[in-house]
């Protein structure tokens, strides 16, 4: 009886060195991929924030234009023709001279991608432009309430 050679000529598989090299390559590639994925996620959230801010600011401007044109009937004096809240833009406003016609400026309040809520910081016409508290008279501007900063160092709340 002959003993078989433990090392066969047609042996398949990887040696320990080959496994170490391949795992090292995988490790290097994955360490490069993680920052790229984080960067992409941050960029996606920045784009969503910009879009949400543009959408709400356009709705506020359209409301103001309609109020100035007298299409919304009588508005409160201290609102200066701006909406009293963001909910007014969603719920709609009765148009002047009509009984049941409501004009809606937003379908819904957009989601803030950084805070994951529909609560936005608001400024009224009477507030300081850099104020972080809302006077409550009207909604002149909106901003995100996150404290995070963009890669260029500006706060997202200043966008």
C-alpha atoms as a PDB file:
ATOM      1  CA  UNK A   1       0.000   0.000   0.000  1.00  0.00           C
ATOM      2  CA  UNK A   2       1.291   3.286  -0.942  1.00  0.00           C
ATOM      3  CA  UNK A   3       0.718   6.462   0.911  1.00  0.00           C
ATOM      4  CA  UNK A   4      -0.676   9.294  -1.151  1.00  0.00           C
ATOM      5  CA  UNK A   5       1.297  12.471  -1.383  1.00  0.00           C
ATOM      6  CA  UNK A   6      -0.380  15.210   0.734  1.00  0.00           C
ATOM      7  CA  UNK A   7       0.541  17.768  -1.925  1.00  0.00           C
ATOM      8  CA  UNK A   8      -1.146  16.863  -5.129  1.00  0.00           C
ATOM      9  CA  UNK A   9      -0.081  18.364  -8.403  1.00  0.00           C
ATOM     10  CA  UNK A  10      -3.588  19.524  -9.359  1.00  0.00           C
ATOM     11  CA  UNK A  11      -4.449  20.944  -5.968  1.00  0.00           C
ATOM     12  CA  UNK A  12      -6.963  23.777  -6.162  1.00  0.00           C
ATOM     13  CA  UNK A  13      -7.482  26.723  -3.789  1.00  0.00           C
ATOM     14  CA  UNK A  14      -5.560  29.699  -2.509  1.00  0.00           C
ATOM     15  CA  UNK A  15      -2.455  29.824  -0.440  1.00  0.00           C
ATOM     16  CA  UNK A  16      -2.353  31.903   2.710  1.00  0.00           C
ATOM     17  CA  UNK A  17      -0.271  34.586   0.978  1.00  0.00           C
ATOM     18  CA  UNK A  18      -2.779  34.860  -1.874  1.00  0.00           C
ATOM     19  CA  UNK A  19      -5.645  35.232   0.615  1.00  0.00           C
ATOM     20  CA  UNK A  20      -3.807  37.931   2.574  1.00  0.00           C
ATOM     21  CA  UNK A  21      -3.029  39.872  -0.616  1.00  0.00           C
ATOM     22  CA  UNK A  22      -6.608  39.645  -1.906  1.00  0.00           C
ATOM     23  CA  UNK A  23      -8.080  40.718   1.471  1.00  0.00           C
ATOM     24  CA  UNK A  24      -5.642  43.630   1.613  1.00  0.00           C
ATOM     25  CA  UNK A  25      -6.759  44.773  -1.840  1.00  0.00           C
ATOM     26  CA  UNK A  26     -10.408  44.478  -0.782  1.00  0.00           C
ATOM     27  CA  UNK A  27      -9.688  46.472   2.363  1.00  0.00           C
ATOM     28  CA  UNK A  28      -8.009  49.274   0.413  1.00  0.00           C
ATOM     29  CA  UNK A  29     -10.882  49.428  -2.089  1.00  0.00           C
ATOM     30  CA  UNK A  30     -13.534  49.462   0.622  1.00  0.00           C
ATOM     31  CA  UNK A  31     -11.777  52.231   2.571  1.00  0.00           C
ATOM     32  CA  UNK A  32     -11.873  54.335  -0.598  1.00  0.00           C
ATOM     33  CA  UNK A  33     -15.541  53.536  -1.261  1.00  0.00           C
ATOM     34  CA  UNK A  34     -16.889  54.520   2.165  1.00  0.00           C
ATOM     35  CA  UNK A  35     -15.919  58.224   1.956  1.00  0.00           C
ATOM     36  CA  UNK A  36     -17.284  58.377  -1.591  1.00  0.00           C
ATOM     37  CA  UNK A  37     -20.591  56.920  -0.419  1.00  0.00           C
ATOM     38  CA  UNK A  38     -20.756  59.423   2.461  1.00  0.00           C
ATOM     39  CA  UNK A  39     -19.971  62.272   0.071  1.00  0.00           C
ATOM     40  CA  UNK A  40     -22.712  61.143  -2.320  1.00  0.00           C
ATOM     41  CA  UNK A  41     -25.242  60.854   0.513  1.00  0.00           C
ATOM     42  CA  UNK A  42     -24.375  64.368   1.741  1.00  0.00           C
ATOM     43  CA  UNK A  43     -24.647  65.779  -1.799  1.00  0.00           C
ATOM     44  CA  UNK A  44     -28.048  64.131  -2.243  1.00  0.00           C
ATOM     45  CA  UNK A  45     -29.275  65.697   1.007  1.00  0.00           C
ATOM     46  CA  UNK A  46     -27.910  69.106  -0.070  1.00  0.00           C
ATOM     47  CA  UNK A  47     -29.762  68.873  -3.391  1.00  0.00           C
ATOM     48  CA  UNK A  48     -32.968  67.878  -1.595  1.00  0.00           C
ATOM     49  CA  UNK A  49     -32.540  70.815   0.815  1.00  0.00           C
ATOM     50  CA  UNK A  50     -32.031  73.304  -2.014  1.00  0.00           C
ATOM     51  CA  UNK A  51     -35.078  71.967  -3.865  1.00  0.00           C
ATOM     52  CA  UNK A  52     -37.273  72.132  -0.755  1.00  0.00           C
ATOM     53  CA  UNK A  53     -36.181  75.695   0.011  1.00  0.00           C
ATOM     54  CA  UNK A  54     -36.778  76.814  -3.586  1.00  0.00           C
ATOM     55  CA  UNK A  55     -40.224  75.187  -3.612  1.00  0.00           C
ATOM     56  CA  UNK A  56     -41.320  76.853  -0.367  1.00  0.00           C
ATOM     57  CA  UNK A  57     -39.843  80.249  -1.227  1.00  0.00           C
ATOM     58  CA  UNK A  58     -41.584  80.220  -4.626  1.00  0.00           C
ATOM     59  CA  UNK A  59     -44.870  79.372  -2.923  1.00  0.00           C
ATOM     60  CA  UNK A  60     -44.394  82.249  -0.456  1.00  0.00           C
ATOM     61  CA  UNK A  61     -43.601  84.610  -3.350  1.00  0.00           C
ATOM     62  CA  UNK A  62     -46.681  83.499  -5.329  1.00  0.00           C
ATOM     63  CA  UNK A  63     -48.846  84.022  -2.249  1.00  0.00           C
ATOM     64  CA  UNK A  64     -47.357  87.505  -1.791  1.00  0.00           C
ATOM     65  CA  UNK A  65     -47.929  88.352  -5.474  1.00  0.00           C
ATOM     66  CA  UNK A  66     -51.587  87.250  -5.241  1.00  0.00           C
ATOM     67  CA  UNK A  67     -52.071  89.223  -2.018  1.00  0.00           C
ATOM     68  CA  UNK A  68     -50.532  92.352  -3.552  1.00  0.00           C
ATOM     69  CA  UNK A  69     -52.755  91.960  -6.629  1.00  0.00           C
ATOM     70  CA  UNK A  70     -55.844  91.773  -4.381  1.00  0.00           C
ATOM     71  CA  UNK A  71     -56.682  88.212  -5.428  1.00  0.00           C
ATOM     72  CA  UNK A  72     -56.848  86.992  -1.825  1.00  0.00           C
ATOM     73  CA  UNK A  73     -59.216  89.632  -0.533  1.00  0.00           C
ATOM     74  CA  UNK A  74     -58.467  91.487   2.664  1.00  0.00           C
ATOM     75  CA  UNK A  75     -55.250  90.430   4.435  1.00  0.00           C
ATOM     76  CA  UNK A  76     -54.127  91.315   7.929  1.00  0.00           C
ATOM     77  CA  UNK A  77     -52.086  94.493   8.114  1.00  0.00           C
ATOM     78  CA  UNK A  78     -49.143  93.072  10.070  1.00  0.00           C
ATOM     79  CA  UNK A  79     -48.664  90.209   7.579  1.00  0.00           C
ATOM     80  CA  UNK A  80     -47.649  92.601   4.759  1.00  0.00           C
ATOM     81  CA  UNK A  81     -49.273  90.182   2.327  1.00  0.00           C
ATOM     82  CA  UNK A  82     -47.186  87.191   3.382  1.00  0.00           C
ATOM     83  CA  UNK A  83     -48.779  83.945   4.638  1.00  0.00           C
ATOM     84  CA  UNK A  84     -49.376  83.647   8.379  1.00  0.00           C
ATOM     85  CA  UNK A  85     -47.897  80.124   8.423  1.00  0.00           C
ATOM     86  CA  UNK A  86     -46.672  77.407   6.080  1.00  0.00           C
ATOM     87  CA  UNK A  87     -49.918  75.519   6.705  1.00  0.00           C
ATOM     88  CA  UNK A  88     -51.829  78.313   4.936  1.00  0.00           C
ATOM     89  CA  UNK A  89     -49.872  77.471   1.772  1.00  0.00           C
ATOM     90  CA  UNK A  90     -50.936  73.816   2.043  1.00  0.00           C
ATOM     91  CA  UNK A  91     -54.543  74.309   3.206  1.00  0.00           C
ATOM     92  CA  UNK A  92     -55.209  76.956   0.597  1.00  0.00           C
ATOM     93  CA  UNK A  93     -56.767  80.409   0.603  1.00  0.00           C
ATOM     94  CA  UNK A  94     -60.167  81.480  -0.662  1.00  0.00           C
ATOM     95  CA  UNK A  95     -59.823  83.672  -3.700  1.00  0.00           C
ATOM     96  CA  UNK A  96     -61.458  87.097  -3.639  1.00  0.00           C
ATOM     97  CA  UNK A  97     -64.918  87.178  -5.185  1.00  0.00           C
ATOM     98  CA  UNK A  98     -65.455  83.402  -5.012  1.00  0.00           C
ATOM     99  CA  UNK A  99     -67.390  81.376  -2.507  1.00  0.00           C
ATOM    100  CA  UNK A 100     -65.735  77.986  -2.669  1.00  0.00           C
ATOM    101  CA  UNK A 101     -62.570  78.361  -4.751  1.00  0.00           C
ATOM    102  CA  UNK A 102     -59.380  77.801  -2.799  1.00  0.00           C
ATOM    103  CA  UNK A 103     -55.914  78.219  -4.183  1.00  0.00           C
ATOM    104  CA  UNK A 104     -53.222  75.957  -2.758  1.00  0.00           C
ATOM    105  CA  UNK A 105     -49.593  76.951  -3.100  1.00  0.00           C
ATOM    106  CA  UNK A 106     -48.002  73.728  -1.804  1.00  0.00           C
ATOM    107  CA  UNK A 107     -49.191  70.131  -1.892  1.00  0.00           C
ATOM    108  CA  UNK A 108     -47.426  69.445   1.363  1.00  0.00           C
ATOM    109  CA  UNK A 109     -44.684  70.962   3.434  1.00  0.00           C
ATOM    110  CA  UNK A 110     -41.445  69.379   2.164  1.00  0.00           C
ATOM    111  CA  UNK A 111     -39.358  67.155   4.389  1.00  0.00           C
ATOM    112  CA  UNK A 112     -36.139  68.682   5.677  1.00  0.00           C
ATOM    113  CA  UNK A 113     -33.488  66.129   4.621  1.00  0.00           C
ATOM    114  CA  UNK A 114     -31.144  67.051   7.475  1.00  0.00           C
ATOM    115  CA  UNK A 115     -33.623  67.013  10.381  1.00  0.00           C
ATOM    116  CA  UNK A 116     -35.987  64.449   8.809  1.00  0.00           C
ATOM    117  CA  UNK A 117     -39.014  66.516   9.835  1.00  0.00           C
ATOM    118  CA  UNK A 118     -41.440  68.947   8.275  1.00  0.00           C
ATOM    119  CA  UNK A 119     -40.619  71.608  10.859  1.00  0.00           C
ATOM    120  CA  UNK A 120     -38.681  74.464   9.313  1.00  0.00           C
ATOM    121  CA  UNK A 121     -37.204  77.595  10.785  1.00  0.00           C
ATOM    122  CA  UNK A 122     -39.257  80.639   9.816  1.00  0.00           C
ATOM    123  CA  UNK A 123     -38.590  84.358   9.667  1.00  0.00           C
ATOM    124  CA  UNK A 124     -41.211  87.059   9.466  1.00  0.00           C
ATOM    125  CA  UNK A 125     -40.884  90.338   7.614  1.00  0.00           C
ATOM    126  CA  UNK A 126     -40.327  92.080  10.951  1.00  0.00           C
ATOM    127  CA  UNK A 127     -37.550  89.697  12.109  1.00  0.00           C
ATOM    128  CA  UNK A 128     -33.842  90.341  11.785  1.00  0.00           C
ATOM    129  CA  UNK A 129     -32.480  88.541   8.677  1.00  0.00           C
ATOM    130  CA  UNK A 130     -30.153  86.432  10.843  1.00  0.00           C
ATOM    131  CA  UNK A 131     -32.708  85.738  13.566  1.00  0.00           C
ATOM    132  CA  UNK A 132     -33.196  82.160  14.708  1.00  0.00           C
ATOM    133  CA  UNK A 133     -36.530  82.840  16.378  1.00  0.00           C
ATOM    134  CA  UNK A 134     -39.778  83.543  14.594  1.00  0.00           C
ATOM    135  CA  UNK A 135     -41.825  86.612  15.481  1.00  0.00           C
ATOM    136  CA  UNK A 136     -45.005  84.863  14.314  1.00  0.00           C
ATOM    137  CA  UNK A 137     -46.534  87.748  12.338  1.00  0.00           C
ATOM    138  CA  UNK A 138     -46.010  86.132   8.908  1.00  0.00           C
ATOM    139  CA  UNK A 139     -43.715  83.789   6.972  1.00  0.00           C
ATOM    140  CA  UNK A 140     -41.276  85.846   4.930  1.00  0.00           C
ATOM    141  CA  UNK A 141     -38.527  83.208   4.676  1.00  0.00           C
ATOM    142  CA  UNK A 142     -37.746  79.615   5.663  1.00  0.00           C
ATOM    143  CA  UNK A 143     -34.521  77.826   6.580  1.00  0.00           C
ATOM    144  CA  UNK A 144     -33.378  74.462   7.903  1.00  0.00           C
ATOM    145  CA  UNK A 145     -32.900  74.140  11.646  1.00  0.00           C
ATOM    146  CA  UNK A 146     -29.902  71.829  11.400  1.00  0.00           C
ATOM    147  CA  UNK A 147     -26.628  72.990  12.916  1.00  0.00           C
ATOM    148  CA  UNK A 148     -24.545  71.129  10.327  1.00  0.00           C
ATOM    149  CA  UNK A 149     -22.258  72.984   7.977  1.00  0.00           C
ATOM    150  CA  UNK A 150     -21.630  72.550   4.275  1.00  0.00           C
ATOM    151  CA  UNK A 151     -18.174  71.473   3.074  1.00  0.00           C
ATOM    152  CA  UNK A 152     -17.380  75.115   2.277  1.00  0.00           C
ATOM    153  CA  UNK A 153     -17.980  76.056   5.931  1.00  0.00           C
ATOM    154  CA  UNK A 154     -21.324  77.848   5.551  1.00  0.00           C
ATOM    155  CA  UNK A 155     -24.161  76.762   7.788  1.00  0.00           C
ATOM    156  CA  UNK A 156     -27.031  75.033   5.981  1.00  0.00           C
ATOM    157  CA  UNK A 157     -29.376  77.348   7.869  1.00  0.00           C
ATOM    158  CA  UNK A 158     -27.940  80.268   5.872  1.00  0.00           C
ATOM    159  CA  UNK A 159     -28.891  78.790   2.489  1.00  0.00           C
END
